[in-house]
Amino acid sequence: MEINKYYDIIAEKLTGWLELLVKMLPNFVVAVLVLIAFIFAGRLVRNISDKLLDKAIKNKSLSSIISKVIYIIVVTIGLFTALSFLNLDKTVSSLLAGAGIIGLALGFAFQDIATNFIAGFFMAIKRPFKIGQVIHCEGHSGVIKHIGIRTTELTSFQGQEVIIPNKMLFQNPLVNDSENTYKRIDLNVGVSYGEDLERVRDIAIEAVRNTPNINKNKDIDLVYLAFGSSSIDFRIMIWVEFKSQLEFLKSQSEAIIAIKKAFDKEDIMIPFPIRTLDFGIKGGEKLNEVLPQIEMQSKLGERSQRNSSS
């Protein structure tokens, strides 16, 4: 009797499921067809958006990421639509709620990664720099090698590979040396207090006129800055064409050499810091005054040692 009872229950359940399956079969077929249609539509939208974004933002990595996100959104909409055809509205609601909770948790867990992605997205639109340009940011300098959606890679002037998170480049001051054709060299020099400052100015300006890569359309400026401890300080400013960081440093080096040669030729003194040494117990005495006393004390010390040894 018990076996028959369980058999009837199982048969009733199976029959109910079979009837439900037959009843839901058309909806199931429609749901599968809808999902397949959305998958194909997602691929089509992804390919079209990839081409359009690649032309618009000129960033293959970013356009690929955005296209994949669009594809996932389209397929997700198709999945929820297919579930609704199966009368699984409660399941859809549960999935949406679960996706929201998971998305919130992932947002907190990967906050820095998400920030870098967002920064990379806005930088791809704004384009503050390009591959091959020289930039400086937060103590890092180099030539841009690769611009990614999350990080940007630099080759430093020492040949090192530097990977910088896009968040750092987006949130901090950024210097792009390659954006302008010309860059200014600022040289600080000091001359003796006994020099004729107008003569010094003319000689220094004339000395740097043939600096490599100099922009002859811009004036060479020289201004005196301050009365230093041992010199009168001035700054000479030269505009040169910025071809690379090495070429810029070479131009700066040649300008320094030219000024030094010109000053040596014209007998213009570039002073070095002067130090005054005081001698004696109380100080303020000159070396030639103290030296005889030191020699006398030394001789007395030697005699004292001889007498004690004898």
Protein backbone atom coordinates (compact mmCIF):
# COMPACT_ATOMS: atom_id res chain seq x y z
CA MET A 1 0.00 0.00 0.00
CA GLU A 2 2.78 2.46 0.91
CA ILE A 3 4.69 1.69 -2.30
CA ASN A 4 1.61 2.31 -4.43
CA LYS A 5 0.97 5.55 -2.59
CA TYR A 6 4.51 6.85 -3.28
CA TYR A 7 4.25 5.62 -6.85
CA ASP A 8 1.06 7.61 -7.36
CA ILE A 9 2.65 10.76 -5.91
CA ILE A 10 5.71 10.48 -8.16
CA ALA A 11 3.58 9.72 -11.21
CA GLU A 12 1.37 12.69 -10.46
CA LYS A 13 4.38 14.98 -10.14
CA LEU A 14 5.96 13.72 -13.35
CA THR A 15 2.67 14.07 -15.19
CA GLY A 16 2.30 17.63 -13.92
CA TRP A 17 5.81 18.50 -15.01
CA LEU A 18 5.27 16.92 -18.40
CA GLU A 19 2.06 18.88 -18.89
CA LEU A 20 3.82 22.07 -17.81
CA LEU A 21 6.68 21.33 -20.21
CA VAL A 22 4.27 20.79 -23.10
CA LYS A 23 2.41 23.92 -22.12
CA MET A 24 5.62 25.97 -21.83
CA LEU A 25 7.33 24.47 -24.87
CA PRO A 26 6.22 27.24 -27.29
CA ASN A 27 7.32 29.88 -24.80
CA PHE A 28 10.64 28.06 -24.32
CA VAL A 29 11.25 27.98 -28.08
CA VAL A 30 10.39 31.68 -28.32
CA ALA A 31 12.71 32.45 -25.38
CA VAL A 32 15.60 30.58 -27.02
CA LEU A 33 14.98 32.33 -30.34
CA VAL A 34 14.84 35.70 -28.57
CA LEU A 35 18.13 35.03 -26.78
CA ILE A 36 19.82 33.94 -30.03
CA ALA A 37 18.49 37.03 -31.78
CA PHE A 38 19.87 39.29 -29.05
CA ILE A 39 23.27 37.54 -29.23
CA PHE A 40 23.49 38.18 -32.97
CA ALA A 41 22.24 41.73 -32.47
CA GLY A 42 24.87 42.26 -29.76
CA ARG A 43 27.65 41.08 -32.08
CA LEU A 44 26.41 43.35 -34.85
CA VAL A 45 26.21 46.36 -32.52
CA ARG A 46 29.65 45.51 -31.11
CA ASN A 47 31.28 45.44 -34.55
CA ILE A 48 29.60 48.67 -35.65
CA SER A 49 30.41 50.49 -32.41
CA ASP A 50 34.01 49.22 -32.52
CA LYS A 51 34.54 50.75 -35.97
CA LEU A 52 32.79 54.02 -35.12
CA LEU A 53 34.60 54.44 -31.78
CA ASP A 54 37.95 53.58 -33.32
CA LYS A 55 37.50 56.43 -35.79
CA ALA A 56 36.13 58.81 -33.16
CA ILE A 57 38.59 58.38 -30.27
CA LYS A 58 41.62 56.82 -32.03
CA ASN A 59 42.21 54.44 -29.14
CA LYS A 60 41.94 50.75 -30.01
CA SER A 61 41.98 49.52 -26.42
CA LEU A 62 39.28 51.91 -25.28
CA SER A 63 37.02 51.31 -28.29
CA SER A 64 37.36 47.55 -27.80
CA ILE A 65 36.42 47.78 -24.11
CA ILE A 66 33.39 49.99 -24.81
CA SER A 67 32.24 47.66 -27.61
CA LYS A 68 32.47 44.64 -25.32
CA VAL A 69 30.49 46.44 -22.62
CA ILE A 70 27.79 47.28 -25.17
CA TYR A 71 27.70 43.64 -26.28
CA ILE A 72 27.31 42.40 -22.69
CA ILE A 73 24.49 44.90 -22.06
CA VAL A 74 22.61 43.79 -25.18
CA VAL A 75 22.99 40.07 -24.34
CA THR A 76 21.92 40.70 -20.72
CA ILE A 77 18.76 42.48 -21.91
CA GLY A 78 18.09 39.50 -24.20
CA LEU A 79 18.52 37.06 -21.31
CA PHE A 80 16.04 38.92 -19.08
CA THR A 81 13.59 39.21 -21.98
CA ALA A 82 13.83 35.45 -22.63
CA LEU A 83 13.19 34.69 -18.95
CA SER A 84 10.12 36.91 -19.00
CA PHE A 85 8.67 34.76 -21.83
CA LEU A 86 8.96 31.78 -19.51
CA ASN A 87 6.91 33.59 -16.86
CA LEU A 88 9.93 33.77 -14.56
CA ASP A 89 9.33 37.33 -13.50
CA LYS A 90 10.27 36.62 -9.90
CA THR A 91 13.50 35.00 -11.06
CA VAL A 92 14.27 38.06 -13.16
CA SER A 93 13.68 40.31 -10.15
CA SER A 94 15.93 38.14 -8.00
CA LEU A 95 18.66 38.18 -10.63
CA LEU A 96 18.46 41.96 -10.94
CA ALA A 97 18.64 42.38 -7.16
CA GLY A 98 21.55 39.97 -6.96
CA ALA A 99 23.36 41.71 -9.81
CA GLY A 100 22.92 45.04 -8.03
CA ILE A 101 24.35 43.71 -4.78
CA ILE A 102 27.25 42.01 -6.56
CA GLY A 103 27.94 45.16 -8.58
CA LEU A 104 27.98 47.26 -5.39
CA ALA A 105 30.35 44.84 -3.66
CA LEU A 106 32.67 44.71 -6.67
CA GLY A 107 32.59 48.50 -6.89
CA PHE A 108 33.95 48.80 -3.34
CA ALA A 109 36.44 45.96 -3.79
CA PHE A 110 37.89 47.25 -7.06
CA GLN A 111 37.47 50.97 -6.51
CA ASP A 112 41.00 51.86 -7.67
CA ILE A 113 40.71 49.72 -10.79
CA ALA A 114 37.37 51.31 -11.65
CA THR A 115 38.84 54.79 -11.09
CA ASN A 116 41.72 53.99 -13.43
CA PHE A 117 39.29 52.74 -16.09
CA ILE A 118 37.18 55.89 -15.82
CA ALA A 119 40.30 58.07 -15.95
CA GLY A 120 41.51 56.19 -19.01
CA PHE A 121 38.13 56.70 -20.67
CA PHE A 122 38.14 60.47 -20.16
CA MET A 123 41.81 60.77 -21.16
CA ALA A 124 41.06 58.90 -24.39
CA ILE A 125 38.38 61.48 -25.15
CA LYS A 126 40.42 64.54 -24.10
CA ARG A 127 43.79 63.24 -25.41
CA PRO A 128 46.20 65.23 -23.21
CA PHE A 129 49.14 63.34 -24.74
CA LYS A 130 50.03 60.91 -27.53
CA ILE A 131 52.41 58.00 -28.03
CA GLY A 132 55.97 59.24 -28.54
CA GLN A 133 55.54 62.47 -26.57
CA VAL A 134 57.60 63.45 -23.51
CA ILE A 135 55.64 64.00 -20.28
CA HIS A 136 56.41 64.68 -16.60
CA CYS A 137 54.06 63.75 -13.75
CA GLU A 138 54.62 63.27 -10.01
CA GLY A 139 58.37 62.77 -10.37
CA HIS A 140 58.07 60.42 -13.36
CA SER A 141 59.41 61.52 -16.75
CA GLY A 142 59.79 59.77 -20.07
CA VAL A 143 58.53 59.04 -23.56
CA ILE A 144 55.03 57.55 -23.85
CA LYS A 145 55.23 53.99 -25.14
CA HIS A 146 51.66 52.71 -24.71
CA ILE A 147 48.33 54.20 -23.60
CA GLY A 148 45.99 51.63 -22.11
CA ILE A 149 42.53 51.80 -20.63
CA ARG A 150 43.91 51.28 -17.09
CA THR A 151 47.60 52.25 -17.22
CA THR A 152 50.02 54.26 -19.35
CA GLU A 153 53.54 52.99 -20.05
CA LEU A 154 56.58 55.30 -20.26
CA THR A 155 60.18 54.70 -21.24
CA SER A 156 62.26 56.84 -18.90
CA PHE A 157 65.30 58.78 -20.09
CA GLN A 158 67.45 56.11 -18.40
CA GLY A 159 65.76 53.35 -20.44
CA GLN A 160 63.52 52.04 -17.67
CA GLU A 161 59.92 51.02 -18.28
CA VAL A 162 57.53 52.94 -16.01
CA ILE A 163 53.87 51.89 -15.67
CA ILE A 164 51.69 54.70 -14.31
CA PRO A 165 48.03 54.25 -13.29
CA ASN A 166 45.78 56.50 -15.35
CA LYS A 167 44.27 57.90 -12.15
CA MET A 168 47.62 59.54 -11.33
CA LEU A 169 47.88 61.15 -14.77
CA PHE A 170 44.27 62.31 -14.66
CA GLN A 171 44.20 63.78 -11.14
CA ASN A 172 47.67 65.35 -10.87
CA PRO A 173 49.40 68.18 -12.75
CA LEU A 174 50.85 66.92 -16.02
CA VAL A 175 53.61 68.57 -18.08
CA ASN A 176 53.70 67.72 -21.79
CA ASP A 177 57.03 68.85 -23.27
CA SER A 178 56.16 67.71 -26.79
CA GLU A 179 52.93 69.68 -27.12
CA ASN A 180 54.78 72.90 -28.07
CA THR A 181 57.53 73.17 -30.67
CA TYR A 182 59.84 75.37 -28.58
CA LYS A 183 61.04 75.17 -24.99
CA ARG A 184 62.99 77.73 -22.97
CA ILE A 185 66.39 77.21 -21.38
CA ASP A 186 66.87 79.17 -18.15
CA LEU A 187 70.50 79.49 -17.03
CA ASN A 188 71.38 81.14 -13.71
CA VAL A 189 74.91 82.62 -13.65
CA GLY A 190 76.83 84.84 -11.22
CA VAL A 191 79.54 87.43 -11.91
CA SER A 192 81.90 89.34 -9.66
CA TYR A 193 80.82 92.57 -8.01
CA GLY A 194 83.66 94.33 -9.83
CA GLU A 195 82.31 93.63 -13.34
CA ASP A 196 80.56 96.07 -15.67
CA LEU A 197 77.03 94.59 -15.72
CA GLU A 198 76.05 96.09 -19.07
CA ARG A 199 79.19 94.65 -20.65
CA VAL A 200 78.51 91.27 -19.05
CA ARG A 201 74.97 91.31 -20.45
CA ASP A 202 76.12 92.04 -24.02
CA ILE A 203 78.87 89.41 -23.96
CA ALA A 204 76.60 86.69 -22.50
CA ILE A 205 73.82 87.31 -25.04
CA GLU A 206 76.29 87.31 -27.93
CA ALA A 207 77.89 84.09 -26.63
CA VAL A 208 74.68 82.03 -26.85
CA ARG A 209 73.44 83.28 -30.24
CA ASN A 210 74.71 80.14 -31.97
CA THR A 211 73.26 77.66 -29.48
CA PRO A 212 72.12 74.48 -31.35
CA ASN A 213 68.38 74.43 -32.25
CA ILE A 214 67.96 78.05 -31.12
CA ASN A 215 64.83 79.87 -32.28
CA LYS A 216 66.18 82.96 -34.02
CA ASN A 217 62.71 84.53 -34.15
CA LYS A 218 62.65 84.95 -30.35
CA ASP A 219 64.80 87.36 -28.39
CA ILE A 220 67.46 86.20 -25.94
CA ASP A 221 66.55 87.75 -22.60
CA LEU A 222 68.90 88.44 -19.70
CA VAL A 223 67.77 89.82 -16.35
CA TYR A 224 69.73 90.42 -13.15
CA LEU A 225 68.14 88.69 -10.19
CA ALA A 226 69.86 89.55 -6.92
CA PHE A 227 72.96 90.58 -5.01
CA GLY A 228 74.33 87.23 -3.92
CA SER A 229 76.77 86.47 -1.10
CA SER A 230 79.76 86.53 -3.45
CA SER A 231 78.28 87.45 -6.86
CA ILE A 232 75.64 89.39 -8.72
CA ASP A 233 73.29 86.77 -10.14
CA PHE A 234 71.53 86.91 -13.50
CA ARG A 235 69.35 84.63 -15.59
CA ILE A 236 69.70 84.23 -19.35
CA MET A 237 66.71 82.79 -21.22
CA ILE A 238 67.04 81.06 -24.62
CA TRP A 239 64.27 79.50 -26.71
CA VAL A 240 65.25 76.31 -28.56
CA GLU A 241 63.36 73.83 -30.71
CA PHE A 242 62.34 70.81 -28.65
CA LYS A 243 63.20 67.72 -30.68
CA SER A 244 63.87 65.39 -27.75
CA GLN A 245 64.95 65.59 -24.12
CA LEU A 246 68.52 64.70 -25.08
CA GLU A 247 68.69 67.42 -27.75
CA PHE A 248 67.33 69.93 -25.23
CA LEU A 249 70.01 69.02 -22.69
CA LYS A 250 72.70 69.23 -25.38
CA SER A 251 71.55 72.74 -26.30
CA GLN A 252 71.67 73.72 -22.63
CA SER A 253 75.16 72.23 -22.29
CA GLU A 254 76.46 74.10 -25.34
CA ALA A 255 75.04 77.38 -23.99
CA ILE A 256 76.91 76.85 -20.68
CA ILE A 257 80.16 76.11 -22.54
CA ALA A 258 79.74 79.20 -24.75
CA ILE A 259 79.18 81.53 -21.77
CA LYS A 260 82.19 80.11 -19.88
CA LYS A 261 84.47 80.50 -22.95
CA ALA A 262 83.28 84.04 -23.60
CA PHE A 263 83.80 85.07 -19.96
CA ASP A 264 87.29 83.53 -19.90
CA LYS A 265 88.21 85.35 -23.11
CA GLU A 266 86.93 88.71 -21.83
CA ASP A 267 88.44 88.17 -18.36
CA ILE A 268 85.01 88.18 -16.66
CA MET A 269 85.10 86.40 -13.33
CA ILE A 270 82.47 83.87 -12.26
CA PRO A 271 83.17 83.89 -8.49
CA PHE A 272 82.97 80.93 -6.19
CA PRO A 273 81.86 81.14 -2.53
CA ILE A 274 84.49 82.83 -0.34
CA ARG A 275 85.19 81.43 3.13
CA THR A 276 87.06 83.41 5.82
CA LEU A 277 88.98 81.39 8.42
CA ASP A 278 89.61 82.90 11.87
CA PHE A 279 92.56 81.71 13.93
CA GLY A 280 93.54 82.15 17.53
CA ILE A 281 91.77 81.26 20.74
CA LYS A 282 89.27 84.09 20.47
CA GLY A 283 89.21 84.20 16.68
CA GLY A 284 89.67 87.24 14.48
CA GLU A 285 93.43 86.73 14.10
CA LYS A 286 95.15 86.18 10.75
CA LEU A 287 97.12 83.05 9.91
CA ASN A 288 100.44 84.91 9.50
CA GLU A 289 100.01 86.32 13.02
CA VAL A 290 99.15 83.00 14.64
CA LEU A 291 101.67 80.85 12.73
CA PRO A 292 104.81 82.04 14.65
CA GLN A 293 103.09 81.32 17.95
CA ILE A 294 102.20 77.81 16.76
CA GLU A 295 105.80 77.19 15.64
CA MET A 296 107.14 78.46 18.96
CA GLN A 297 104.78 76.19 20.93
CA SER A 298 105.82 73.26 18.76
CA LYS A 299 109.53 73.87 19.42
CA LEU A 300 108.92 74.20 23.16
CA GLY A 301 107.03 70.92 23.11
CA GLU A 302 109.91 69.15 21.36
CA ARG A 303 112.47 70.50 23.88
CA SER A 304 110.28 69.40 26.76
CA GLN A 305 110.15 65.86 25.37
CA ARG A 306 113.94 65.73 24.93
CA ASN A 307 114.59 66.93 28.48
CA SER A 308 112.18 64.42 29.96
CA SER A 309 113.73 61.57 27.98
CA SER A 310 117.27 62.51 29.02
